[in-house]
Each structure stands twice: as C-alpha cells, then as structure tokens.
C-alpha cells in the first residue's frame, strides 16, 4: 500500500505553514518590544520567566532542517534586563551604627511598618521594621493607659529574635523608651538563673525538695544558713519557683551552687553582656560581693563577720531579694525566649531592612543564634517551673481561667513574676512569660513576652494583665478553629475577647 504524499505538500497546507511562521515571528517581535518598553518604565521584570518565554518563541521559529541553537552555546543563567531593578544589598550598616541612628525613640503605630531616620551623611534612610502593627498599637495603648511612673512591654518571636512589639514610657519624659532601660531591679526574675544553675550544676529537678523556716517572701540570716534538709517546712523546686519562696532560693545560692557557677549561668543568660540590637539597650548587670555599694554594705553590717555578710549577700542575689541585679525589659523577654526554644537563644532584631532613597539596601537582618545557653533538659525543667508559676503560683489569679478559656486553654503558658521596691519606694512589678500552641498542627509559633510596671500604688494595670492581653491579641486571629463539633459559646467567647484586645477597643 502506498501513500499519496502530495496531500501533505498541497498548496493550501504550505500557505497555512507560512502564515503560522509569520504569525509566530510577529508575536515574538511584539513581545520583545513590550519587554523593552516595560523595562524602560522601571517596572520589575521576572527575568527567569521572560527568558523562558523567549526560548519558547525561538523554538516556534526554528525552520525544518535548521539547528535549534544556530548561534552556538548560550550563556547560562537569566539575562540582566535593562531597567530600574532592585540592586543587591550592600549591607553598609552594622547594628551598632543603626542603634546610634535610630536612638531610643518610641515607635508609634504609624511607624510600625516603616519610618525614616537621618543617616550619618544627613541623607534620609528608610527603616522597615519587624513589628506587627496591630500588636504594636496595643502595646502603645497599654503603656500609655497605665498611668504608671514607668511602663514597658516587649513581645518577640523566640524562633528568630524578631521583635513584634516594643513600647515603653516614663512619666514626665517625652523622649526615651523604658523598654530599653537596664535600670530595673531584676527581683525574682533572677530565680530563673538560679534554678538553671541548680539543675545544671547540682542535678536538681522540678521535684527536688528543700526544707526551710520562715516566711515565703522574707529572707533572714538565721533561716538561710541552715542546711537544706533543716526546717519545719518543705517545698519542691517547682513549688518554690511557683510561689517565689526566697529562703529556698537563698539556700540554693548558699549550699547547692558555687558563686562561680552562679556567675557562669548569669553570663550565659547574657547578664553583664551587651545586647547587639538596632536600638540602644542598656546591659543588664549581676555582680558578686558588696564592694562598691556603700548602701548595701551598711545594710549588712549587723549580719556578722565579713564572710557571713558575703554569704548572706549571695543568698540575696540567688533569690533576687536585692536591688543590685538589674535587667531591661528586652533582656527579660530574651530570658523567657531561651526557655521556649529548649535553651537556644537568638539575638533580638527590630529592623528588617534599611534602604536609601535610591533603593540601595544598606542593612538586612538575618536570624543570629547565640547558641545553646543551657542544655535542652535544663530548659525543659525551667519550662515546668514556669508553667507551675502560672497555674498554681504567683500568676494563678490573673490566669485562673486558663484551663477553660477558649484561647488560653489551647496554649502552653509559663511565666515568672517579680516584685520589689526601688530606691525611691516605688513598686517594681515584673512578669516575663512564654506562650506556644499546645496542640499539634498549629501554624502559630511561640512568643516571649516581658512587661514591667513601676508605680506608687496608682496604676491602671499590672504586668501580668499586659502579658495576658498581648498573648490573646496575637493568638486570637492565628489559632485555627477548634476541631470539636459545632461552634459553641467558647468559640464566640474567643472571638469576643480577641476583638477586645485589638486597638480601638477596651476590655
């Protein structure tokens, strides 16, 4: 059987082939002209997609018998098209330089995404932040409405150190940001460090017990110098941390760990270390000994020999019962962050990128791990202690509904409070915390939070309430709907409370 090949080469088919080639050539010319015109306007062009389209047109234009690559090998990679495309980042600024440029300003809600600052050469720079606008608006409102002498709130993502909200104010001061100040007495926040030292250096667990005499929130020499197994009362490390029992932690500092071990853990938690940040943060301080503090030396004169005075001061440091150890709200959030991240700590960052008016990128932040500051097992024990502080300790009143609350019941919450009077008699009220979804499958990540309120009894809020409202505002729109049956009153309550914490609403 033979085929009639004249059918395939008929004049009509040849005309159709010529028309197809002509149309393809015309389309290629028009596409190239449009590409040049768009590039001239400065529009962003996806080079890889454009190159793919041009290659497709080349293939259509290949005539029978001609090579698919008549010009020889083509250069690999996408071509650079003419136009005002984004230049590569030059990373011309360091964090320390940015701290000097940005200063300790308070970032308003309108500056939460982008604000301008004057560069070293007097030219404007544009700073894109890591802040969440809604959360920053809430933080600013909570700080402003507190009516306290000093107030600050810091919220960050422990996974990479991104600051999501940072606000601070001092009564009578228009400038400055209290969230960056390192002058706040650490109080019982330092029990986090002492507990870590007891776990890592003395093999304590949350269930290890210590005997003690005296009240929970006092500290006397006669009670501190008794052996750990002496005393009419007994409490586990979990109970002592949750209820902030000073004498137990004083005994830990006196008998369980050495001064050198306590200093080691304090420095691992970044005390006495500069915090590399795009805003100027004062370093938190922890010092052994009474030297250099005339007031403290006078306070300890009636406590026996110099050696006994030093030993008792060590108990004060370990329990946080002193005004010598100082910490900033940013640092407080970092301490909770390390617990949430199984002992790993990330450098904080509040700036995503900085660029000039020619779109030259001068700075772009990248997650920077500071390493494993405590072992994962230590962090797990600390998390157990902090959870107990919320559920059965000093945070139990403010979080009494955590087990049944439509939002809080789906979070793992851990925290540590701290209260002490400062040198002027004002009350310093601390709360640092971490939060993370307790159910598998949630895309929302963990949070680390720190709030401090310094007041003379006349304040509209407390630190625990600020942390609670910030956590609810963040997780309200981010947690998935409960998988249980019908939408219940719990779901409605969840939406109601989340709405109440958003800017413009009061709860």
Protein backbone atom coordinates (compact mmCIF):
# COMPACT_ATOMS: atom_id res chain seq x y z
CA UNK A 1 0.00 0.00 0.00
CA UNK A 2 1.42 3.41 -0.94
CA UNK A 3 0.54 6.88 0.39
CA UNK A 4 -0.21 9.94 -1.69
CA UNK A 5 2.41 12.36 -0.31
CA UNK A 6 1.07 15.19 -2.45
CA UNK A 7 -1.68 15.63 0.14
CA UNK A 8 0.87 16.78 2.77
CA UNK A 9 2.56 19.23 0.41
CA UNK A 10 -0.54 20.74 -1.14
CA UNK A 11 -0.52 24.49 -1.80
CA UNK A 12 -3.12 25.06 0.93
CA UNK A 13 -1.03 23.38 3.63
CA UNK A 14 2.09 25.27 2.55
CA UNK A 15 0.18 28.55 2.82
CA UNK A 16 -1.03 27.66 6.32
CA UNK A 17 2.53 26.82 7.42
CA UNK A 18 3.84 30.15 6.07
CA UNK A 19 1.05 32.02 7.88
CA UNK A 20 1.86 30.21 11.14
CA UNK A 21 5.58 31.08 10.89
CA UNK A 22 4.76 34.69 10.01
CA UNK A 23 2.35 34.99 12.98
CA UNK A 24 4.90 33.49 15.35
CA UNK A 25 7.58 35.90 14.15
CA UNK A 26 5.25 38.89 14.55
CA UNK A 27 4.29 37.78 18.09
CA UNK A 28 7.95 37.44 19.06
CA UNK A 29 8.70 40.96 17.80
CA UNK A 30 5.74 42.40 19.72
CA UNK A 31 6.72 40.54 22.93
CA UNK A 32 10.29 41.84 22.70
CA UNK A 33 9.11 45.39 22.14
CA UNK A 34 6.76 45.18 25.14
CA UNK A 35 9.57 43.86 27.34
CA UNK A 36 11.88 46.76 26.40
CA UNK A 37 9.05 49.29 26.93
CA UNK A 38 8.19 47.92 30.41
CA UNK A 39 11.84 47.85 31.43
CA UNK A 40 12.21 51.46 30.32
CA UNK A 41 9.34 52.39 32.61
CA UNK A 42 11.21 50.80 35.51
CA UNK A 43 8.71 48.03 36.09
CA UNK A 44 10.05 44.94 37.82
CA UNK A 45 10.54 42.08 35.36
CA UNK A 46 10.77 38.42 36.28
CA UNK A 47 13.90 37.57 34.29
CA UNK A 48 13.61 33.79 34.53
CA UNK A 49 10.02 33.78 33.23
CA UNK A 50 10.85 36.24 30.44
CA UNK A 51 13.80 34.10 29.36
CA UNK A 52 11.58 31.01 29.31
CA UNK A 53 9.03 32.75 27.09
CA UNK A 54 11.70 33.98 24.65
CA UNK A 55 13.07 30.44 24.40
CA UNK A 56 9.60 29.15 23.54
CA UNK A 57 9.28 31.69 20.73
CA UNK A 58 12.72 30.72 19.41
CA UNK A 59 11.63 27.12 19.18
CA UNK A 60 8.50 28.10 17.27
CA UNK A 61 10.61 29.98 14.75
CA UNK A 62 13.02 27.10 14.03
CA UNK A 63 12.51 26.08 10.43
CA UNK A 64 12.84 22.47 9.26
CA UNK A 65 16.45 21.47 8.79
CA UNK A 66 17.89 24.33 10.89
CA UNK A 67 19.77 23.97 14.14
CA UNK A 68 17.93 24.70 17.37
CA UNK A 69 20.97 26.66 18.57
CA UNK A 70 22.45 28.35 15.47
CA UNK A 71 24.45 30.82 17.47
CA UNK A 72 26.39 28.23 19.49
CA UNK A 73 26.21 27.80 23.27
CA UNK A 74 24.25 30.46 25.11
CA UNK A 75 25.43 31.88 28.45
CA UNK A 76 23.91 30.11 31.44
CA UNK A 77 21.59 31.90 33.87
CA UNK A 78 19.00 34.61 33.30
CA UNK A 79 19.90 37.72 31.31
CA UNK A 80 20.09 41.09 33.06
CA UNK A 81 17.31 43.20 31.55
CA UNK A 82 17.64 46.94 31.23
CA UNK A 83 15.59 48.89 33.78
CA UNK A 84 15.48 50.12 37.38
CA UNK A 85 15.60 46.72 39.07
CA UNK A 86 16.32 46.35 42.79
CA UNK A 87 20.10 46.48 43.42
CA UNK A 88 21.67 43.76 45.56
CA UNK A 89 22.03 44.61 49.27
CA UNK A 90 25.30 46.31 50.14
CA UNK A 91 25.00 45.72 53.92
CA UNK A 92 26.67 49.03 54.60
CA UNK A 93 25.46 49.45 58.18
CA UNK A 94 26.03 47.44 61.34
CA UNK A 95 23.66 47.09 64.28
CA UNK A 96 25.71 49.44 66.44
CA UNK A 97 25.54 52.13 63.75
CA UNK A 98 21.79 51.66 63.43
CA UNK A 99 21.39 51.98 67.21
CA UNK A 100 23.05 55.40 67.01
CA UNK A 101 20.88 56.41 64.04
CA UNK A 102 17.54 55.18 65.37
CA UNK A 103 18.13 56.01 69.02
CA UNK A 104 15.78 55.15 71.87
CA UNK A 105 12.67 56.56 70.25
CA UNK A 106 9.19 55.22 70.83
CA UNK A 107 7.78 53.81 67.62
CA UNK A 108 4.16 54.83 67.17
CA UNK A 109 1.64 52.52 65.47
CA UNK A 110 2.02 54.52 62.25
CA UNK A 111 5.76 53.78 62.29
CA UNK A 112 5.32 50.08 62.96
CA UNK A 113 5.96 49.09 59.35
CA UNK A 114 8.24 51.82 58.02
CA UNK A 115 9.78 55.02 59.31
CA UNK A 116 12.54 57.39 58.23
CA UNK A 117 15.69 58.42 60.05
CA UNK A 118 18.62 60.67 59.25
CA UNK A 119 21.72 58.80 58.13
CA UNK A 120 25.32 59.63 59.09
CA UNK A 121 25.69 61.82 55.99
CA UNK A 122 22.48 63.71 56.70
CA UNK A 123 20.57 61.91 53.99
CA UNK A 124 17.26 60.18 54.79
CA UNK A 125 17.19 56.45 55.42
CA UNK A 126 14.07 54.32 55.39
CA UNK A 127 13.73 51.64 58.06
CA UNK A 128 11.43 48.68 57.62
CA UNK A 129 10.67 47.04 60.97
CA UNK A 130 9.76 43.56 62.19
CA UNK A 131 6.91 44.96 64.32
CA UNK A 132 3.35 43.72 63.96
CA UNK A 133 1.26 46.90 63.51
CA UNK A 134 -1.78 45.69 65.48
CA UNK A 135 0.28 44.29 68.33
CA UNK A 136 2.43 47.44 68.45
CA UNK A 137 -0.71 49.59 68.58
CA UNK A 138 -1.97 47.55 71.54
CA UNK A 139 1.40 47.77 73.31
CA UNK A 140 1.49 51.56 72.89
CA UNK A 141 -2.03 51.88 74.22
CA UNK A 142 -1.37 49.64 77.24
CA UNK A 143 1.73 51.63 78.11
CA UNK A 144 0.00 54.98 77.65
CA UNK A 145 -3.08 53.99 79.64
CA UNK A 146 -1.12 52.54 82.58
CA UNK A 147 -0.61 55.95 84.23
CA UNK A 148 2.41 54.44 85.99
CA UNK A 149 5.79 56.01 86.71
CA UNK A 150 7.39 53.68 84.16
CA UNK A 151 5.87 51.02 81.95
CA UNK A 152 7.22 48.78 79.20
CA UNK A 153 6.08 45.82 77.12
CA UNK A 154 8.20 43.69 74.79
CA UNK A 155 6.98 40.79 72.63
CA UNK A 156 9.28 38.79 70.36
CA UNK A 157 9.38 35.60 68.33
CA UNK A 158 11.83 33.22 70.05
CA UNK A 159 12.50 31.31 66.81
CA UNK A 160 14.48 34.11 65.21
CA UNK A 161 14.52 37.03 67.65
CA UNK A 162 12.13 39.24 65.66
CA UNK A 163 10.58 41.88 67.92
CA UNK A 164 6.82 42.04 67.32
CA UNK A 165 6.03 44.82 69.79
CA UNK A 166 8.18 47.18 71.85
CA UNK A 167 6.81 50.12 73.80
CA UNK A 168 7.94 51.95 76.91
CA UNK A 169 7.33 55.24 78.65
CA UNK A 170 8.36 57.19 81.74
CA UNK A 171 6.09 59.72 83.42
CA UNK A 172 7.11 63.29 82.66
CA UNK A 173 9.55 62.27 79.92
CA UNK A 174 8.60 62.76 76.31
CA UNK A 175 11.79 61.16 74.98
CA UNK A 176 13.31 57.78 75.65
CA UNK A 177 11.93 54.26 75.71
CA UNK A 178 11.70 52.46 79.06
CA UNK A 179 11.76 49.09 77.27
CA UNK A 180 15.45 49.71 76.52
CA UNK A 181 16.48 50.76 80.03
CA UNK A 182 18.57 48.43 82.15
CA UNK A 183 17.93 50.18 85.46
CA UNK A 184 15.04 48.00 86.68
CA UNK A 185 15.80 45.74 89.67
CA UNK A 186 15.53 42.17 88.41
CA UNK A 187 13.87 40.98 91.63
CA UNK A 188 12.64 37.38 91.41
CA UNK A 189 13.25 37.17 87.65
CA UNK A 190 16.73 36.09 88.66
CA UNK A 191 15.26 32.92 90.14
CA UNK A 192 15.22 31.66 86.52
CA UNK A 193 19.03 31.83 86.50
CA UNK A 194 19.40 30.28 89.97
CA UNK A 195 17.04 27.45 89.06
CA UNK A 196 19.05 26.78 85.88
CA UNK A 197 22.25 26.66 87.94
CA UNK A 198 20.69 24.21 90.43
CA UNK A 199 19.53 21.94 87.59
CA UNK A 200 22.77 22.02 85.60
CA UNK A 201 25.32 22.18 88.41
CA UNK A 202 23.62 20.35 91.30
CA UNK A 203 21.39 17.85 89.45
CA UNK A 204 18.17 19.32 90.79
CA UNK A 205 14.85 18.56 89.11
CA UNK A 206 11.48 20.23 89.48
CA UNK A 207 10.61 17.61 92.11
CA UNK A 208 13.73 18.05 94.27
CA UNK A 209 12.77 19.14 97.79
CA UNK A 210 14.35 21.69 100.14
CA UNK A 211 13.43 22.29 103.79
CA UNK A 212 13.14 25.82 105.14
CA UNK A 213 11.99 28.00 108.02
CA UNK A 214 10.43 31.44 107.97
CA UNK A 215 8.01 33.15 105.61
CA UNK A 216 7.95 32.60 101.87
CA UNK A 217 8.74 36.15 100.88
CA UNK A 218 11.18 37.19 103.59
CA UNK A 219 14.89 36.47 103.95
CA UNK A 220 16.70 36.23 107.28
CA UNK A 221 20.23 35.11 108.04
CA UNK A 222 19.19 32.53 110.64
CA UNK A 223 16.98 30.74 108.12
CA UNK A 224 19.35 30.93 105.17
CA UNK A 225 22.35 29.41 106.96
CA UNK A 226 20.51 26.24 107.95
CA UNK A 227 21.32 23.12 105.95
CA UNK A 228 18.99 22.37 103.01
CA UNK A 229 17.44 19.44 104.92
CA UNK A 230 16.76 21.55 108.03
CA UNK A 231 13.47 23.35 108.51
CA UNK A 232 9.88 22.86 109.54
CA UNK A 233 8.56 23.42 106.01
CA UNK A 234 9.43 21.60 102.83
CA UNK A 235 8.87 22.57 99.21
CA UNK A 236 9.91 21.17 95.87
CA UNK A 237 11.83 23.31 93.42
CA UNK A 238 8.61 23.57 91.39
CA UNK A 239 6.63 24.87 94.37
CA UNK A 240 9.44 27.18 95.47
CA UNK A 241 9.70 28.72 91.99
CA UNK A 242 5.93 28.98 91.51
CA UNK A 243 5.39 30.70 94.87
CA UNK A 244 8.72 32.57 94.73
CA UNK A 245 9.98 31.31 98.11
CA UNK A 246 13.03 33.46 98.83
CA UNK A 247 14.61 31.37 101.56
CA UNK A 248 14.71 28.23 99.38
CA UNK A 249 16.50 30.07 96.61
CA UNK A 250 18.76 31.71 99.16
CA UNK A 251 19.74 28.23 100.34
CA UNK A 252 20.37 27.14 96.74
CA UNK A 253 22.79 30.03 96.34
CA UNK A 254 24.46 29.26 99.67
CA UNK A 255 24.70 25.45 99.59
CA UNK A 256 23.77 23.99 96.18
CA UNK A 257 25.84 26.04 93.73
CA UNK A 258 29.09 27.95 94.00
CA UNK A 259 29.40 31.69 93.33
CA UNK A 260 31.38 30.90 90.17
CA UNK A 261 28.62 28.62 88.90
CA UNK A 262 26.00 31.29 89.53
CA UNK A 263 28.08 33.84 87.63
CA UNK A 264 28.53 31.35 84.78
CA UNK A 265 24.77 30.87 84.38
CA UNK A 266 24.10 34.60 84.72
CA UNK A 267 26.51 35.38 81.91
CA UNK A 268 25.09 32.60 79.77
CA UNK A 269 21.73 34.32 80.18
CA UNK A 270 23.50 37.48 78.88
CA UNK A 271 23.92 39.39 82.15
CA UNK A 272 26.97 41.67 82.01
CA UNK A 273 26.88 41.36 78.21
CA UNK A 274 25.97 43.98 75.61
CA UNK A 275 22.87 43.07 73.64
CA UNK A 276 23.52 43.58 69.94
CA UNK A 277 20.34 45.33 68.84
CA UNK A 278 19.32 48.03 66.34
CA UNK A 279 18.30 50.27 69.23
CA UNK A 280 20.49 51.15 72.22
CA UNK A 281 19.75 48.66 75.03
CA UNK A 282 21.47 49.06 78.38
CA UNK A 283 23.33 45.95 79.54
CA UNK A 284 21.82 44.02 82.45
CA UNK A 285 24.14 43.65 85.45
CA UNK A 286 24.90 40.95 88.01
CA UNK A 287 27.78 41.36 90.46
CA UNK A 288 29.03 39.31 93.39
CA UNK A 289 30.22 40.92 96.58
CA UNK A 290 29.37 44.08 98.49
CA UNK A 291 32.32 46.14 97.28
CA UNK A 292 31.34 49.34 95.59
CA UNK A 293 27.89 49.53 97.21
CA UNK A 294 28.08 51.65 100.37
CA UNK A 295 24.34 51.41 100.95
CA UNK A 296 24.34 47.61 100.78
CA UNK A 297 27.47 47.38 102.94
CA UNK A 298 25.74 49.48 105.62
CA UNK A 299 22.63 47.29 105.38
CA UNK A 300 24.75 44.18 106.06
CA UNK A 301 26.88 45.49 108.94
CA UNK A 302 24.84 43.71 111.60
CA UNK A 303 24.96 40.33 109.88
CA UNK A 304 28.16 39.03 111.43
CA UNK A 305 31.66 38.73 110.03
CA UNK A 306 32.56 39.96 106.55
CA UNK A 307 32.48 36.34 105.36
CA UNK A 308 28.96 35.91 106.74
CA UNK A 309 27.90 39.19 105.15
CA UNK A 310 29.20 37.99 101.78
CA UNK A 311 27.44 34.64 102.18
CA UNK A 312 24.14 36.30 103.02
CA UNK A 313 24.52 38.68 100.11
CA UNK A 314 24.99 35.65 97.85
CA UNK A 315 21.66 34.33 99.17
CA UNK A 316 20.08 37.69 98.35
CA UNK A 317 21.44 37.56 94.82
CA UNK A 318 20.32 33.97 94.21
CA UNK A 319 16.78 34.75 95.41
CA UNK A 320 16.51 38.12 93.67
CA UNK A 321 15.98 39.78 97.06
CA UNK A 322 18.16 42.80 96.26
CA UNK A 323 18.31 45.99 94.23
CA UNK A 324 21.79 45.36 92.82
CA UNK A 325 20.95 42.99 89.96
CA UNK A 326 19.44 44.99 87.10
CA UNK A 327 17.70 43.97 83.90
CA UNK A 328 15.99 45.56 80.89
CA UNK A 329 12.57 44.56 79.53
CA UNK A 330 14.21 43.47 76.26
CA UNK A 331 16.51 41.19 78.24
CA UNK A 332 13.56 39.87 80.26
CA UNK A 333 11.88 38.74 77.04
CA UNK A 334 15.12 37.08 75.94
CA UNK A 335 15.28 35.06 79.16
CA UNK A 336 11.81 33.64 78.51
CA UNK A 337 12.75 33.14 74.87
CA UNK A 338 15.59 30.76 75.73
CA UNK A 339 13.21 28.59 77.78
CA UNK A 340 10.69 28.46 74.91
CA UNK A 341 13.43 27.42 72.47
CA UNK A 342 14.79 24.48 74.50
CA UNK A 343 17.79 26.50 75.63
CA UNK A 344 18.76 28.18 72.35
CA UNK A 345 18.87 31.98 72.30
CA UNK A 346 18.55 34.24 69.26
CA UNK A 347 19.80 37.79 69.01
CA UNK A 348 16.89 40.25 69.03
CA UNK A 349 16.15 42.31 65.93
CA UNK A 350 13.60 45.04 65.31
CA UNK A 351 14.76 46.11 61.83
CA UNK A 352 14.03 44.05 58.75
CA UNK A 353 15.97 46.23 56.31
CA UNK A 354 17.24 49.74 55.73
CA UNK A 355 17.44 51.41 52.33
CA UNK A 356 18.19 54.88 50.99
CA UNK A 357 16.15 56.99 48.58
CA UNK A 358 17.87 55.30 45.62
CA UNK A 359 16.66 51.92 46.90
CA UNK A 360 20.16 50.81 47.87
CA UNK A 361 19.74 48.24 50.64
CA UNK A 362 22.19 49.19 53.41
CA UNK A 363 21.13 46.66 56.02
CA UNK A 364 19.14 43.45 56.06
CA UNK A 365 18.68 41.43 59.25
CA UNK A 366 19.21 37.70 59.39
CA UNK A 367 18.46 35.34 62.31
CA UNK A 368 21.52 35.13 64.52
CA UNK A 369 21.72 32.31 67.05
CA UNK A 370 23.73 33.00 70.20
CA UNK A 371 23.98 29.28 70.78
CA UNK A 372 22.69 26.81 73.33
CA UNK A 373 22.91 28.76 76.58
CA UNK A 374 21.52 25.86 78.66
CA UNK A 375 21.01 22.19 77.84
CA UNK A 376 17.60 21.21 76.42
CA UNK A 377 16.95 19.13 79.55
CA UNK A 378 17.58 22.21 81.70
CA UNK A 379 15.21 24.28 79.57
CA UNK A 380 12.52 21.60 79.95
CA UNK A 381 12.83 21.75 83.74
CA UNK A 382 12.66 25.55 83.64
CA UNK A 383 9.54 25.35 81.46
CA UNK A 384 7.91 23.07 84.03
CA UNK A 385 8.73 25.59 86.77
CA UNK A 386 7.35 28.50 84.75
CA UNK A 387 4.16 26.63 83.91
CA UNK A 388 3.63 25.98 87.62
CA UNK A 389 4.07 29.70 88.35
CA UNK A 390 1.14 30.43 86.03
CA UNK A 391 -1.16 27.58 87.04
CA UNK A 392 -0.56 27.35 90.80
CA UNK A 393 1.83 30.12 91.82
CA UNK A 394 2.06 33.88 91.65
CA UNK A 395 0.23 34.01 88.31
CA UNK A 396 -2.72 31.84 89.27
CA UNK A 397 -5.15 34.71 89.97
CA UNK A 398 -4.61 36.52 86.68
CA UNK A 399 -4.69 33.23 84.75
CA UNK A 400 -7.24 31.41 86.88
CA UNK A 401 -9.37 30.67 83.81
CA UNK A 402 -6.50 29.32 81.70
CA UNK A 403 -7.78 25.72 81.81
CA UNK A 404 -11.23 26.63 80.45
CA UNK A 405 -10.58 29.81 78.48
CA UNK A 406 -11.28 29.24 74.75
CA UNK A 407 -7.87 30.62 73.80
CA UNK A 408 -5.64 30.22 76.84
CA UNK A 409 -6.65 26.57 77.25
CA UNK A 410 -5.04 25.87 73.87
CA UNK A 411 -1.71 27.45 74.84
CA UNK A 412 1.22 26.28 76.90
CA UNK A 413 1.88 29.20 79.24
CA UNK A 414 4.86 29.68 81.50
CA UNK A 415 5.96 32.76 83.40
CA UNK A 416 7.82 34.32 86.29
CA UNK A 417 6.79 37.31 88.34
CA UNK A 418 8.99 39.65 90.31
CA UNK A 419 8.16 42.44 92.74
CA UNK A 420 10.35 44.71 94.82
CA UNK A 421 10.51 48.34 95.94
CA UNK A 422 13.11 50.50 94.25
CA UNK A 423 15.36 53.06 95.96
CA UNK A 424 12.59 55.68 95.87
CA UNK A 425 10.00 53.37 97.41
CA UNK A 426 8.11 52.78 94.15
CA UNK A 427 6.84 49.27 93.46
CA UNK A 428 8.52 47.40 90.59
CA UNK A 429 6.14 44.82 89.13
CA UNK A 430 7.59 42.31 86.62
CA UNK A 431 6.23 39.46 84.56
CA UNK A 432 8.13 37.55 81.87
CA UNK A 433 6.50 34.68 80.04
CA UNK A 434 6.49 32.38 77.06
CA UNK A 435 3.47 31.03 75.20
CA UNK A 436 3.11 28.43 72.47
CA UNK A 437 0.25 26.39 70.99
CA UNK A 438 -0.21 23.19 72.96
CA UNK A 439 -1.85 21.25 70.13
CA UNK A 440 -0.10 19.71 67.14
CA UNK A 441 -0.82 21.07 63.69
CA UNK A 442 -0.99 24.76 64.66
CA UNK A 443 0.97 27.10 62.41
CA UNK A 444 1.22 29.87 65.01
CA UNK A 445 4.63 29.87 66.65
CA UNK A 446 5.82 30.65 70.19
CA UNK A 447 6.00 34.04 71.85
CA UNK A 448 8.27 35.51 74.51
CA UNK A 449 6.92 38.45 76.47
CA UNK A 450 8.11 40.81 79.20
CA UNK A 451 6.24 43.58 80.98
CA UNK A 452 7.27 45.87 83.81
CA UNK A 453 5.21 48.47 85.67
CA UNK A 454 6.78 50.85 88.21
CA UNK A 455 4.13 52.59 90.27
CA UNK A 456 3.35 54.25 93.58
CA UNK A 457 0.05 52.43 94.05
CA UNK A 458 -1.75 54.49 91.43
CA UNK A 459 -1.69 52.48 88.23
CA UNK A 460 -4.35 51.32 85.79
CA UNK A 461 -2.74 48.00 85.00
CA UNK A 462 -0.29 45.34 86.18
CA UNK A 463 2.40 43.46 84.29
CA UNK A 464 0.54 40.13 84.18
CA UNK A 465 -2.52 41.76 82.62
CA UNK A 466 -0.37 43.36 79.92
CA UNK A 467 1.20 40.00 79.05
CA UNK A 468 -2.19 38.29 79.02
CA UNK A 469 -3.75 40.83 76.68
CA UNK A 470 -0.77 40.78 74.32
CA UNK A 471 -0.88 36.98 74.08
CA UNK A 472 -4.61 36.98 73.40
CA UNK A 473 -4.28 39.68 70.75
CA UNK A 474 -1.57 37.70 68.97
CA UNK A 475 -3.09 34.23 69.07
CA UNK A 476 -6.76 35.25 68.67
CA UNK A 477 -6.65 35.55 64.87
CA UNK A 478 -3.90 32.94 64.41
CA UNK A 479 -5.07 29.79 66.14
CA UNK A 480 -7.21 27.54 63.99
CA UNK A 481 -10.81 26.85 64.90
CA UNK A 482 -11.29 24.07 67.44
CA UNK A 483 -11.86 20.69 65.81
CA UNK A 484 -14.65 19.75 68.21
CA UNK A 485 -18.25 19.61 66.91
CA UNK A 486 -20.44 22.61 66.49
CA UNK A 487 -19.38 26.19 67.08
CA UNK A 488 -20.04 26.63 70.77
CA UNK A 489 -20.15 29.54 73.13
CA UNK A 490 -16.43 29.01 73.67
CA UNK A 491 -15.76 29.89 70.03
CA UNK A 492 -17.87 33.01 70.34
CA UNK A 493 -16.11 33.99 73.55
CA UNK A 494 -12.76 33.52 71.85
CA UNK A 495 -13.66 35.99 69.11
CA UNK A 496 -15.12 38.44 71.62
CA UNK A 497 -12.01 38.56 73.81
CA UNK A 498 -9.64 38.72 70.84
CA UNK A 499 -11.61 41.68 69.47
CA UNK A 500 -11.48 43.39 72.86
CA UNK A 501 -7.68 43.35 72.83
CA UNK A 502 -7.36 44.94 69.40
CA UNK A 503 -6.56 48.65 69.01
CA UNK A 504 -9.52 50.96 69.47
CA UNK A 505 -11.37 48.62 71.86
CA UNK A 506 -11.13 48.39 75.63
CA UNK A 507 -11.70 45.26 77.68
